[in-house]
Protein backbone atom coordinates (compact mmCIF):
# COMPACT_ATOMS: atom_id res chain seq x y z
CA MET A 1 -24.21 33.78 9.68
CA GLY A 2 -22.59 33.24 13.07
CA PHE A 3 -20.56 35.49 15.30
CA VAL A 4 -17.05 35.18 16.72
CA ASP A 5 -14.80 36.41 19.54
CA LEU A 6 -11.13 36.91 18.67
CA HIS A 7 -9.82 38.20 22.01
CA VAL A 8 -10.30 35.84 24.96
CA HIS A 9 -8.24 34.97 28.06
CA SER A 10 -7.96 31.78 30.12
CA THR A 11 -6.52 30.65 33.44
CA TYR A 12 -3.13 30.42 31.73
CA SER A 13 -2.90 34.22 32.02
CA ASP A 14 -5.48 36.25 33.94
CA GLY A 15 -8.82 34.68 33.06
CA THR A 16 -10.91 32.43 35.30
CA TYR A 17 -12.01 29.86 32.70
CA THR A 18 -9.77 27.03 31.54
CA PRO A 19 -9.37 26.67 27.76
CA SER A 20 -11.72 23.67 27.80
CA GLU A 21 -14.31 25.63 29.77
CA LEU A 22 -14.02 28.47 27.26
CA VAL A 23 -14.83 26.08 24.42
CA ASP A 24 -17.93 24.75 26.15
CA TYR A 25 -19.09 28.23 27.14
CA ALA A 26 -18.56 29.58 23.61
CA ILE A 27 -20.67 26.75 22.17
CA LYS A 28 -23.37 27.48 24.76
CA LYS A 29 -23.30 31.16 23.72
CA GLY A 30 -23.72 30.23 20.04
CA LEU A 31 -20.29 31.39 18.87
CA THR A 32 -18.83 29.83 15.73
CA ALA A 33 -15.18 30.63 16.61
CA ILE A 34 -12.99 31.93 19.42
CA ALA A 35 -9.31 32.91 19.60
CA LEU A 36 -7.39 32.30 22.82
CA THR A 37 -5.11 35.31 23.30
CA ASP A 38 -3.51 34.95 26.70
CA HIS A 39 -0.96 37.54 27.80
CA ASP A 40 2.54 36.67 26.58
CA THR A 41 1.90 32.92 26.74
CA VAL A 42 0.65 30.13 24.48
CA ASP A 43 0.58 27.47 27.21
CA GLY A 44 -3.20 27.04 26.97
CA LEU A 45 -3.33 26.42 23.23
CA ASP A 46 -2.62 22.69 23.27
CA GLU A 47 -5.53 22.14 25.65
CA LEU A 48 -7.80 24.44 23.63
CA ILE A 49 -7.08 22.76 20.30
CA ALA A 50 -7.24 19.19 21.62
CA TYR A 51 -10.51 19.76 23.49
CA ALA A 52 -12.20 21.52 20.55
CA LYS A 53 -11.20 18.90 17.99
CA GLU A 54 -14.58 17.12 18.01
CA LYS A 55 -16.62 20.17 19.00
CA PRO A 56 -18.85 22.32 16.74
CA ILE A 57 -16.64 25.37 17.01
CA GLU A 58 -13.47 26.71 15.42
CA VAL A 59 -10.59 27.69 17.68
CA ILE A 60 -7.74 29.99 16.67
CA SER A 61 -4.25 30.06 18.13
CA GLY A 62 -3.40 33.50 19.44
CA ILE A 63 -1.49 35.59 21.93
CA GLU A 64 -1.67 39.13 23.34
CA TYR A 65 1.73 40.81 23.58
CA SER A 66 2.47 43.70 25.92
CA THR A 67 4.78 46.27 24.32
CA GLU A 68 6.00 49.76 25.13
CA TYR A 69 5.26 52.81 23.00
CA ASN A 70 6.18 56.31 24.20
CA GLY A 71 6.05 55.20 27.83
CA ARG A 72 2.70 53.47 27.52
CA ASP A 73 1.60 49.86 27.39
CA VAL A 74 0.39 49.04 23.86
CA HIS A 75 -0.96 45.58 23.13
CA ILE A 76 -0.65 43.62 19.90
CA VAL A 77 -2.77 40.53 19.36
CA GLY A 78 -1.29 37.80 17.18
CA LEU A 79 -3.83 35.51 15.49
CA PHE A 80 -3.30 32.24 13.57
CA ILE A 81 0.28 31.99 14.84
CA ASP A 82 2.37 28.86 14.47
CA TYR A 83 2.94 28.82 18.20
CA LYS A 84 5.48 25.99 18.03
CA ALA A 85 7.73 27.65 15.47
CA PRO A 86 11.30 27.93 16.87
CA ILE A 87 11.63 31.62 15.99
CA PHE A 88 8.38 32.37 17.83
CA LEU A 89 9.37 30.39 20.93
CA GLU A 90 12.75 32.14 21.03
CA TYR A 91 11.08 35.57 21.08
CA LEU A 92 8.46 34.42 23.54
CA ALA A 93 11.09 33.33 26.07
CA ARG A 94 12.47 36.87 25.99
CA PHE A 95 9.01 38.42 26.44
CA GLN A 96 8.28 36.18 29.39
CA GLN A 97 11.62 36.96 31.06
CA SER A 98 10.88 40.65 30.60
CA ARG A 99 7.52 40.20 32.36
CA THR A 100 9.17 38.26 35.22
CA ASP A 101 11.81 40.96 35.71
CA ARG A 102 9.07 43.61 35.78
CA ASN A 103 7.09 41.62 38.33
CA TYR A 104 10.00 41.41 40.77
CA LYS A 105 10.49 45.19 40.52
CA LEU A 106 6.78 45.89 40.95
CA CYS A 107 6.67 43.70 44.08
CA ALA A 108 9.63 45.64 45.49
CA ASN A 109 7.85 48.94 44.82
CA LEU A 110 4.67 47.73 46.51
CA GLN A 111 6.71 46.52 49.48
CA SER A 112 8.06 50.07 49.83
CA ALA A 113 4.41 51.18 50.19
CA GLY A 114 3.97 48.84 53.16
CA ILE A 115 2.33 45.97 51.27
CA ASP A 116 3.37 42.46 52.22
CA ILE A 117 3.80 40.93 48.77
CA THR A 118 6.41 38.84 46.93
CA TYR A 119 6.51 37.43 43.43
CA GLU A 120 6.74 33.93 44.91
CA ALA A 121 3.53 34.55 46.89
CA LEU A 122 1.77 35.64 43.70
CA MET A 123 2.88 32.51 41.85
CA LYS A 124 1.67 30.35 44.73
CA ALA A 125 -1.69 32.14 44.75
CA PHE A 126 -2.08 31.84 40.96
CA PRO A 127 -0.32 28.63 39.89
CA ASN A 128 0.28 27.91 36.18
CA SER A 129 -0.57 31.48 35.23
CA VAL A 130 1.37 34.27 33.58
CA ILE A 131 1.27 36.91 36.33
CA THR A 132 -0.35 40.15 35.16
CA ARG A 133 -1.53 43.27 36.95
CA ALA A 134 -4.97 41.66 37.22
CA HIS A 135 -3.41 39.08 39.53
CA TYR A 136 -1.88 41.87 41.64
CA ALA A 137 -5.30 43.49 41.88
CA ALA A 138 -6.91 40.22 42.99
CA PHE A 139 -4.11 39.68 45.55
CA LEU A 140 -4.45 43.19 47.00
CA LEU A 141 -8.22 42.82 47.18
CA ASP A 142 -7.97 39.43 48.88
CA LYS A 143 -5.47 40.73 51.46
CA GLY A 144 -7.62 43.77 52.26
CA TYR A 145 -5.29 46.47 50.93
CA VAL A 146 -7.99 47.76 48.57
CA LYS A 147 -11.77 47.53 48.39
CA SER A 148 -12.07 47.04 44.63
CA ARG A 149 -10.11 46.13 41.54
CA ASN A 150 -10.42 49.69 40.26
CA GLU A 151 -8.94 51.04 43.49
CA ALA A 152 -5.97 48.67 43.08
CA PHE A 153 -5.21 50.13 39.65
CA ASP A 154 -5.89 53.72 40.67
CA ARG A 155 -3.60 53.60 43.74
CA TYR A 156 -0.94 51.01 42.94
CA LEU A 157 -0.97 49.40 39.51
CA GLY A 158 -1.92 51.97 36.87
CA ASP A 159 0.56 53.43 34.39
CA ARG A 160 0.58 56.78 36.21
CA THR A 161 1.03 55.56 39.78
CA PRO A 162 4.45 55.94 41.48
CA TYR A 163 4.76 52.15 41.76
CA PHE A 164 4.30 51.28 38.09
CA VAL A 165 7.26 49.58 36.39
CA HIS A 166 7.88 49.62 32.65
CA ARG A 167 9.05 46.38 31.16
CA GLU A 168 12.16 46.03 29.04
CA LYS A 169 11.47 48.10 25.97
CA ILE A 170 9.85 45.58 23.65
CA THR A 171 8.44 47.56 20.75
CA PRO A 172 5.25 46.89 18.81
CA GLU A 173 7.40 46.53 15.69
CA GLU A 174 9.28 43.61 17.25
CA VAL A 175 6.15 41.62 18.01
CA ILE A 176 4.63 42.44 14.62
CA ASP A 177 7.78 41.04 13.03
CA VAL A 178 7.75 37.82 15.08
CA THR A 179 4.02 37.33 14.47
CA LEU A 180 4.54 37.59 10.72
CA LYS A 181 7.49 35.21 10.87
CA ALA A 182 5.29 32.77 12.79
CA GLY A 183 2.71 32.95 9.99
CA GLY A 184 0.20 34.98 11.99
CA ILE A 185 -1.82 38.17 11.63
CA PRO A 186 -0.69 41.05 13.90
CA VAL A 187 -3.57 43.20 15.18
CA LEU A 188 -3.51 46.44 17.18
CA ALA A 189 -5.65 45.75 20.25
CA HIS A 190 -8.20 48.23 21.69
CA PRO A 191 -6.54 51.54 20.63
CA THR A 192 -8.95 53.65 22.70
CA LEU A 193 -7.53 52.30 25.96
CA TYR A 194 -4.10 53.93 25.51
CA GLN A 195 -5.32 57.51 26.10
CA LEU A 196 -3.33 58.72 23.11
CA GLY A 197 -5.91 60.88 21.38
CA TRP A 198 -6.92 60.35 17.76
CA ASP A 199 -4.00 62.28 16.27
CA GLN A 200 -1.48 60.15 18.17
CA ILE A 201 -3.35 56.96 17.26
CA ASN A 202 -2.86 57.95 13.63
CA VAL A 203 0.85 58.51 14.26
CA LEU A 204 1.05 55.07 15.88
CA LEU A 205 -0.78 53.43 12.99
CA ASP A 206 1.47 55.12 10.42
CA ARG A 207 4.43 53.56 12.18
CA LEU A 208 2.90 50.12 12.72
CA LYS A 209 1.44 49.77 9.24
CA GLU A 210 4.89 50.32 7.78
CA ALA A 211 6.16 47.58 10.11
CA GLY A 212 3.58 45.11 8.76
CA LEU A 213 0.50 45.55 10.97
CA MET A 214 -2.39 43.73 9.29
CA GLY A 215 -5.38 44.36 11.53
CA ILE A 216 -7.07 46.57 14.09
CA GLU A 217 -9.70 45.78 16.70
CA SER A 218 -12.64 47.52 15.08
CA TYR A 219 -14.94 45.77 17.57
CA TYR A 220 -14.39 45.86 21.34
CA SER A 221 -16.47 45.64 24.49
CA THR A 222 -15.96 49.23 25.66
CA TYR A 223 -16.33 51.05 22.33
CA SER A 224 -19.03 53.66 22.04
CA HIS A 225 -20.86 54.04 18.74
CA SER A 226 -18.53 56.96 17.97
CA ASP A 227 -15.45 54.90 18.82
CA GLN A 228 -16.50 52.12 16.50
CA SER A 229 -17.17 54.56 13.66
CA LYS A 230 -13.68 55.99 14.09
CA MET A 231 -12.19 52.49 14.14
CA LYS A 232 -13.93 51.71 10.88
CA SER A 233 -12.50 54.91 9.44
CA LEU A 234 -8.97 53.96 10.55
CA GLU A 235 -9.46 50.44 9.20
CA LYS A 236 -10.26 51.92 5.78
CA LYS A 237 -7.57 54.62 5.87
CA TYR A 238 -4.75 52.20 6.71
CA LYS A 239 -6.17 49.27 4.72
CA LEU A 240 -6.31 47.06 7.80
CA LEU A 241 -8.30 43.91 8.44
CA ALA A 242 -11.09 44.27 10.98
CA SER A 243 -10.72 42.21 14.13
CA GLY A 244 -12.28 42.32 17.53
CA GLY A 245 -13.19 40.59 20.72
CA SER A 246 -14.74 40.87 24.12
CA ASP A 247 -11.42 40.66 26.04
CA PHE A 248 -13.25 38.11 28.19
CA HIS A 249 -11.52 37.30 31.50
CA GLY A 250 -14.35 35.45 33.24
CA ASP A 251 -14.98 36.64 36.81
CA ASN A 252 -11.97 38.97 36.67
CA LYS A 253 -13.99 41.44 34.58
CA GLN A 254 -17.43 41.59 36.14
CA GLY A 255 -20.32 42.17 33.76
CA LEU A 256 -18.25 41.48 30.64
CA ASP A 257 -19.41 38.33 28.86
CA LEU A 258 -17.94 36.16 26.15
CA GLY A 259 -18.92 37.19 22.64
CA VAL A 260 -21.18 40.09 23.66
CA GLY A 261 -18.99 42.17 25.98
CA TYR A 262 -21.27 44.38 28.02
CA GLY A 263 -24.24 43.34 25.93
CA LYS A 264 -23.87 45.29 22.69
CA LEU A 265 -20.83 43.62 21.09
CA TYR A 266 -21.33 41.61 17.89
CA ILE A 267 -18.44 40.46 15.69
CA PRO A 268 -19.71 38.91 12.44
CA GLN A 269 -18.28 35.74 10.94
CA GLU A 270 -17.26 37.85 7.92
CA VAL A 271 -14.40 39.32 10.00
CA LEU A 272 -12.87 35.87 10.36
CA SER A 273 -13.52 34.98 6.72
CA LYS A 274 -11.58 38.01 5.51
CA MET A 275 -8.65 37.11 7.75
CA LYS A 276 -8.58 33.62 6.32
CA LYS A 277 -8.58 35.06 2.81
CA ALA A 278 -5.57 37.20 3.72
CA LEU A 279 -3.80 34.05 4.91
CA THR A 280 -4.47 32.13 1.68
CA THR A 281 -4.21 34.78 -1.04
CA LYS A 282 -0.92 34.49 -2.91
CA ILE A 283 1.02 37.18 -4.71
CA LEU A 284 3.50 36.65 -7.55
CA PHE A 285 6.20 39.23 -8.29
CA THR A 286 7.96 38.72 -11.61
CA ASP A 287 10.76 40.54 -13.34
CA LEU A 288 10.28 41.32 -17.03
CA ASP A 289 13.42 41.08 -19.15
CA ASP A 290 14.86 37.54 -19.35
CA THR A 291 12.23 36.36 -16.87
CA LEU A 292 8.62 36.91 -17.96
CA LEU A 293 9.50 38.16 -21.42
CA THR A 294 11.02 36.00 -24.14
CA LYS A 295 14.01 37.15 -26.18
CA GLU A 296 11.44 38.66 -28.59
CA LYS A 297 10.07 40.70 -25.62
CA THR A 298 6.73 38.92 -25.72
CA VAL A 299 4.70 36.72 -23.37
CA SER A 300 3.56 33.35 -24.68
CA GLU A 301 -0.11 32.44 -24.76
CA LYS A 302 0.56 29.60 -22.31
CA THR A 303 2.04 31.99 -19.72
CA ARG A 304 -0.73 34.51 -20.35
CA LYS A 305 -3.39 31.89 -19.60
CA LYS A 306 -1.61 30.89 -16.40
CA ILE A 307 -1.59 34.52 -15.26
CA ILE A 308 -5.32 34.79 -15.97
CA GLU A 309 -6.02 31.61 -13.99
CA LEU A 310 -3.88 32.91 -11.11
CA LEU A 311 -6.03 36.05 -11.01
CA ALA A 312 -9.29 34.14 -11.37
CA ARG A 313 -8.37 32.12 -8.27
CA GLY A 314 -8.11 35.33 -6.24
CA ASN A 315 -4.33 35.77 -6.25
CA HIS A 316 -2.38 38.90 -7.22
CA PHE A 317 0.08 39.47 -10.07
CA VAL A 318 2.88 42.04 -9.95
CA LEU A 319 5.19 43.16 -12.74
CA SER A 320 8.39 44.16 -10.91
CA SER A 321 10.90 45.84 -13.17
CA GLY A 322 13.70 48.34 -13.35
CA ARG A 323 11.91 49.89 -16.31
CA SER A 324 9.93 53.12 -16.17
CA ILE A 325 6.24 52.94 -15.38
CA ASN A 326 5.29 53.84 -18.96
CA SER A 327 7.48 51.07 -20.33
CA VAL A 328 5.96 48.50 -17.95
CA LEU A 329 2.45 49.64 -18.84
CA THR A 330 3.32 49.08 -22.50
CA VAL A 331 4.24 45.48 -21.65
CA LEU A 332 1.03 45.08 -19.69
CA GLU A 333 -0.94 46.35 -22.65
CA LYS A 334 0.73 43.76 -24.89
CA ILE A 335 -0.11 40.95 -22.45
CA ASN A 336 -3.70 42.11 -22.91
CA ILE A 337 -5.37 40.71 -19.79
CA LYS A 338 -8.98 41.85 -19.79
CA ASP A 339 -11.57 41.57 -17.06
CA SER A 340 -13.67 39.55 -19.48
CA ASP A 341 -10.85 36.98 -19.68
CA ILE A 342 -10.67 36.77 -15.89
CA ARG A 343 -14.48 36.58 -15.66
CA HIS A 344 -14.55 33.65 -18.08
CA ALA A 345 -11.79 31.82 -16.20
CA TYR A 346 -13.49 32.51 -12.84
CA ASP A 347 -16.84 31.19 -14.07
CA LYS A 348 -15.14 28.08 -15.44
CA LEU A 349 -13.40 27.40 -12.11
CA ASN A 350 -16.27 28.36 -9.80
CA SER A 351 -19.55 27.36 -11.35
CA ASN A 352 -21.09 26.87 -7.88
CA LEU A 353 -19.69 30.03 -6.26
CA PRO A 354 -20.92 33.66 -6.27
CA GLU A 355 -20.66 35.55 -9.52
CA PHE A 356 -17.40 37.27 -10.47
CA ASN A 357 -17.09 40.43 -8.36
CA ARG A 358 -14.15 42.77 -8.80
CA GLU A 359 -15.48 45.23 -6.21
CA ASN A 360 -15.58 42.61 -3.46
CA ASP A 361 -12.12 41.23 -4.28
CA THR A 362 -13.42 37.87 -5.48
CA VAL A 363 -10.55 37.85 -7.97
CA GLY A 364 -6.99 39.11 -7.79
CA GLY A 365 -5.50 42.39 -8.94
CA ILE A 366 -2.67 43.44 -11.23
CA TYR A 367 0.08 45.69 -9.86
CA VAL A 368 3.33 47.25 -11.03
CA ALA A 369 6.55 47.93 -9.14
CA ALA A 370 8.51 50.12 -11.56
CA TYR A 371 11.94 51.77 -11.42
CA ASN A 372 13.21 48.88 -9.24
CA GLY A 373 10.39 49.32 -6.76
CA ALA A 374 10.62 53.10 -6.43
CA VAL A 375 6.96 53.40 -7.49
CA LEU A 376 4.01 51.08 -6.91
CA TYR A 377 0.88 51.20 -9.04
CA ASP A 378 -2.47 49.45 -8.95
CA CYS A 379 -3.18 48.56 -12.58
CA THR A 380 -6.36 46.56 -12.04
CA ASP A 381 -9.03 47.35 -14.66
CA ASN A 382 -6.25 48.61 -16.96
CA LYS A 383 -5.95 51.82 -14.94
CA ALA A 384 -2.69 52.97 -13.33
CA ARG A 385 -3.30 54.34 -9.83
CA MET A 386 -0.29 55.42 -7.74
CA ILE A 387 0.10 53.59 -4.43
CA GLN A 388 3.56 54.68 -3.26
CA GLU A 389 6.65 56.46 -4.56
CA CYS A 390 10.22 57.09 -3.45
CA GLY A 391 12.50 59.34 -5.52
CA VAL A 392 16.15 60.34 -5.53
CA PRO A 393 16.66 64.02 -4.55
CA ILE A 394 17.52 66.07 -7.62
CA ALA A 395 20.77 67.30 -6.06
CA THR A 396 21.82 63.68 -5.42
CA ALA A 397 20.86 62.68 -8.95
CA GLN A 398 22.92 65.58 -10.31
CA ALA A 399 25.95 64.46 -8.27
CA ILE A 400 25.62 60.97 -9.76
CA PHE A 401 25.33 62.43 -13.27
CA ASP A 402 28.53 64.42 -12.66
CA MET A 403 30.42 61.37 -11.34
CA ALA A 404 29.45 59.37 -14.44
CA LEU A 405 30.32 62.17 -16.84
CA GLU A 406 33.75 62.63 -15.24
CA ARG A 407 34.46 58.98 -16.12
CA GLY A 408 33.05 59.20 -19.63
CA ILE A 409 30.12 56.92 -18.80
CA HIS A 410 26.64 57.31 -20.28
CA ILE A 411 24.06 58.23 -17.61
CA GLN A 412 20.31 58.77 -17.85
CA THR A 413 17.20 59.23 -15.75
CA TYR A 414 13.49 59.80 -16.34
CA SER A 415 10.81 62.45 -16.17
CA ASP A 416 7.14 61.49 -16.32
CA THR A 417 7.26 61.45 -20.12
CA HIS A 418 10.89 61.30 -21.29
CA ILE A 419 14.26 59.65 -20.87
CA ILE A 420 16.69 62.37 -19.76
CA SER A 421 20.01 61.31 -21.27
CA SER A 422 23.50 62.74 -20.90
CA ALA A 423 24.18 62.21 -24.62
CA ASP A 424 22.70 60.98 -27.88
CA ASP A 425 25.12 58.09 -28.18
CA LYS A 426 25.28 54.38 -28.93
CA GLU A 427 24.26 53.52 -25.35
CA LEU A 428 21.03 55.51 -25.72
CA ALA A 429 20.40 53.90 -29.10
CA TYR A 430 20.93 50.44 -27.57
CA TYR A 431 18.59 51.18 -24.67
CA THR A 432 15.77 52.57 -26.83
CA ARG A 433 15.79 49.65 -29.26
CA THR A 434 13.30 47.95 -26.89
CA ILE A 435 12.23 50.77 -24.54
CA GLU A 436 9.77 53.00 -26.37
CA MET A 437 10.10 56.46 -24.82
CA ASP A 438 10.85 59.92 -26.14
CA CYS A 439 14.28 61.31 -25.21
CA LEU A 440 15.71 64.64 -24.14
CA ILE A 441 19.45 65.37 -24.01
CA GLU A 442 20.44 67.35 -20.91
CA THR A 443 23.10 67.15 -18.21
CA LYS A 444 21.70 69.83 -15.86
CA LEU A 445 18.76 68.14 -14.24
CA ASP A 446 17.27 71.14 -12.44
CA LYS A 447 16.57 72.65 -15.85
CA ILE A 448 14.27 69.84 -16.87
CA LEU A 449 13.00 67.86 -13.87
CA SER A 450 9.95 69.07 -11.97
CA ARG A 451 10.05 66.19 -9.47
CA GLU A 452 12.58 63.80 -7.99
CA PRO A 453 13.56 61.05 -10.44
CA PHE A 454 12.84 57.47 -9.42
CA LYS A 455 15.91 55.86 -10.96
CA LEU A 456 19.13 56.49 -12.84
CA ILE A 457 20.96 54.10 -15.17
CA ALA A 458 24.63 54.18 -16.08
CA ILE A 459 25.23 52.24 -19.32
CA ASP A 460 28.52 51.03 -20.77
CA LEU A 461 28.39 48.68 -23.74
CA ASP A 462 32.15 48.14 -23.92
CA ASN A 463 33.64 48.07 -20.44
CA GLN A 464 31.75 46.72 -17.42
CA GLU A 465 34.76 47.41 -15.23
CA ARG A 466 34.12 51.14 -15.59
CA LEU A 467 30.59 50.60 -14.26
CA ARG A 468 31.97 48.68 -11.28
CA GLN A 469 34.38 51.55 -10.60
CA LEU A 470 31.51 54.05 -10.75
CA ARG A 471 29.54 51.88 -8.35
CA THR A 472 32.46 51.82 -5.91
CA ALA A 473 32.88 55.59 -6.20
CA ILE A 474 29.19 56.21 -5.48
CA GLU A 475 29.04 53.78 -2.56
CA SER A 476 32.16 55.21 -0.93
CA SER A 477 30.93 58.81 -1.19
CA LYS A 478 28.41 60.63 1.01
CA ILE A 479 25.60 59.93 -1.42
CA GLY A 480 26.26 56.21 -1.02
CA LYS A 481 24.17 56.40 2.16
CA GLU A 482 21.21 57.63 0.11
CA VAL A 483 21.18 55.27 -2.85
CA THR A 484 21.51 51.63 -3.85
CA CYS A 485 23.53 50.54 -6.89
CA VAL A 486 22.81 47.18 -8.56
CA PHE A 487 23.33 45.64 -11.99
CA SER A 488 20.13 44.86 -13.86
CA ASN A 489 22.32 43.25 -16.53
CA PRO A 490 26.08 43.36 -17.20
CA ARG A 491 25.76 46.61 -19.19
CA TYR A 492 23.30 48.48 -16.92
CA LEU A 493 24.04 49.87 -13.45
CA ASP A 494 20.74 50.89 -11.81
CA ILE A 495 20.79 53.53 -9.07
CA TYR A 496 17.80 54.30 -6.84
CA HIS A 497 16.86 55.45 -3.34
CA LYS A 498 17.76 53.19 -0.41
CA LYS A 499 14.10 52.95 0.58
CA ALA A 500 13.22 51.68 -2.90
CA GLY A 501 14.38 48.35 -4.30
CA LYS A 502 12.36 45.36 -5.39
CA GLY A 503 12.55 43.69 -1.98
CA ASN A 504 11.21 46.73 -0.13
CA ALA A 505 8.50 47.06 -2.78
CA LEU A 506 7.46 43.44 -2.22
CA ILE A 507 7.06 43.99 1.53
CA ALA A 508 5.30 47.34 1.03
CA LEU A 509 2.78 45.95 -1.44
CA CYS A 510 2.03 42.94 0.77
CA ASN A 511 1.36 45.43 3.58
CA VAL A 512 -0.93 47.55 1.44
CA LEU A 513 -2.91 44.58 0.16
CA ASN A 514 -2.95 42.70 3.49
CA VAL A 515 -1.43 39.68 1.81
CA HIS A 516 0.67 37.72 4.25
CA VAL A 517 4.32 37.80 3.21
CA LYS A 518 4.42 34.01 3.75
CA ASN A 519 2.32 33.78 0.56
CA SER A 520 4.70 35.82 -1.61
CA ILE A 521 6.57 34.33 -4.56
CA ALA A 522 9.20 36.27 -6.50
CA VAL A 523 10.95 35.28 -9.70
CA GLY A 524 13.85 37.03 -11.41
CA ASP A 525 17.23 36.54 -13.00
CA GLU A 526 19.61 39.41 -12.23
CA GLU A 527 21.29 41.23 -9.37
CA ASN A 528 18.56 43.86 -9.09
CA ASP A 529 16.07 41.02 -8.47
CA ARG A 530 18.05 39.63 -5.55
CA SER A 531 16.43 41.72 -2.80
CA MET A 532 13.00 40.69 -4.09
CA ILE A 533 13.95 37.00 -4.21
CA GLU A 534 15.35 37.18 -0.68
CA ALA A 535 12.32 39.06 0.69
CA ALA A 536 9.78 36.61 -0.70
CA ALA A 537 8.69 33.47 1.12
CA ILE A 538 9.58 31.58 -2.06
CA GLY A 539 12.38 33.14 -4.07
CA VAL A 540 12.87 31.80 -7.59
CA CYS A 541 15.73 32.34 -10.01
CA MET A 542 15.37 31.55 -13.68
CA VAL A 543 17.60 28.78 -14.98
CA ASN A 544 19.05 31.41 -17.34
CA GLY A 545 19.73 33.72 -14.37
CA ASN A 546 22.88 35.12 -12.83
CA PRO A 547 24.79 32.42 -10.85
CA THR A 548 25.06 34.68 -7.80
CA VAL A 549 21.27 35.11 -7.79
CA LYS A 550 20.74 31.36 -8.01
CA GLU A 551 22.70 31.02 -4.76
CA CYS A 552 20.06 32.94 -2.79
CA ALA A 553 16.99 31.35 -4.44
CA ASN A 554 14.76 28.67 -2.93
CA TYR A 555 14.05 27.25 -6.36
CA ILE A 556 15.62 27.38 -9.82
CA THR A 557 13.31 26.88 -12.77
CA GLU A 558 13.72 23.98 -15.17
CA ASN A 559 12.63 26.18 -18.08
CA ASP A 560 14.16 29.46 -19.17
CA ASN A 561 12.35 32.65 -20.15
CA ASN A 562 11.89 31.44 -23.72
CA LYS A 563 10.17 28.22 -22.59
CA ASP A 564 7.57 29.52 -20.10
CA GLY A 565 9.66 29.53 -16.93
CA VAL A 566 7.15 31.82 -15.20
CA ALA A 567 4.27 29.50 -16.16
CA GLU A 568 6.25 26.72 -14.45
CA VAL A 569 6.47 28.84 -11.28
CA ILE A 570 2.73 29.62 -11.34
CA ASP A 571 1.89 25.94 -11.77
CA ARG A 572 4.25 24.73 -9.07
CA PHE A 573 3.69 27.30 -6.33
CA ILE A 574 0.22 28.73 -6.92
CA LEU A 575 -2.17 26.70 -9.03
CA LYS A 576 -1.19 23.25 -7.79
CA ASN A 577 -0.79 24.11 -4.08
């Protein structure tokens, strides 16, 4: 098993080795892979990739972004980026202009301290480089203003000196977003260098994980044994991929060597392998009614076998429904996917690979996004484990109940065990013909609910216009800022928290599982599926779906829900890719 270095700089930013020289040196050091992560530039990647083409080493396209967080520089490394993607290049031009603007201001500040320096002089001294503070330090040292690089930072260049200039406020969230859109893995670089303290690092990670952060540098040249243990703990807590690197700059960081840092660094090949798995694992989100389920509310054996093969190949399967969690679990029970089925399919597909291993994620998992994404569950091994939840405040739910009742419209919500219905009427009877749940009749929710409900449904079997009027009334009121209203079918108006929704659930679950959103596929048929279809890399509408949903889909199935439309999607976008 080899070792890798996923944080390396070249002469295109503030290193002293060219990309070609880095390749040769990495081979000499015995590395199996390196990532070039120059500061705010990808100019060295063409040379790196071309030179390494016939060499016994893997090279990875990367970048190190400088961002601002609470007045401090925070760096995000992007790995495996499509560095020629138009959206990436558009963002990069802005980052580079921000750095240039900062450099002019920093030169002016240093001039006020009596230092003879201009940005043009720096560019002449360091041609074809992205000018960083390391270049300033080298310039000051060369001109005799300081006696060491450390003195340059302590007196003139550090964050807390009077001459320091913050760049335009480019947030970590922005660069995480652009990295994901460019197909890459965003990684928080060297958290210990920001002098935030462990509590504040946790606050930062809470924020960045929600934004889509996929990795953290669990390995770094300056980490103590204690630091690395804490990084491993954070990696586990936030379900992040491990990354790491030497931050090699050649002669600009004396004593720090490629691959080994200050002598004790070792980043195993396994780190890179897990990243690659995250980039290839696919995840399928499917609606239930009129999508996965036939008109008889069943799943055909053909579709069931395709789901099992999907899982056996290491991909994930998500039931995404407006139904309650108990109702979705009932469907899952009827599909009857057992680990023994997945084991058999895995063994058939991978006779030469390691034995089936659920613990080590050799195969995929089964998940549920219920109540239109208001709750996420891990249902692998036929166990329902809560991942995330987002409810509607009881006072808000009561206001919605009252608005529906004023208009004579049936309204209902859910407790953990029951449907809470405004009346025992034909709408309730229609709903429960396929949804097997006990019912309670109550219009005062605080009498019966012990927690915030995840969803409400207004039902009108006779007059959809009344539902549209209720929707308008809710959206135009104060509570319209709290909730989303969508039709799950012409008779059902679903109402749930703004932070819920199938699209938000798709993004959240990809974040939790470290599955790149570029590998997400979503299939549905109705308005409440639209956000999920739009959020996915490949959004699919069933041929029997709502025409307005078809307009936003990347693909429309040839087969409807009664003729294995979901099996068609699995074949086309997962098994045959």
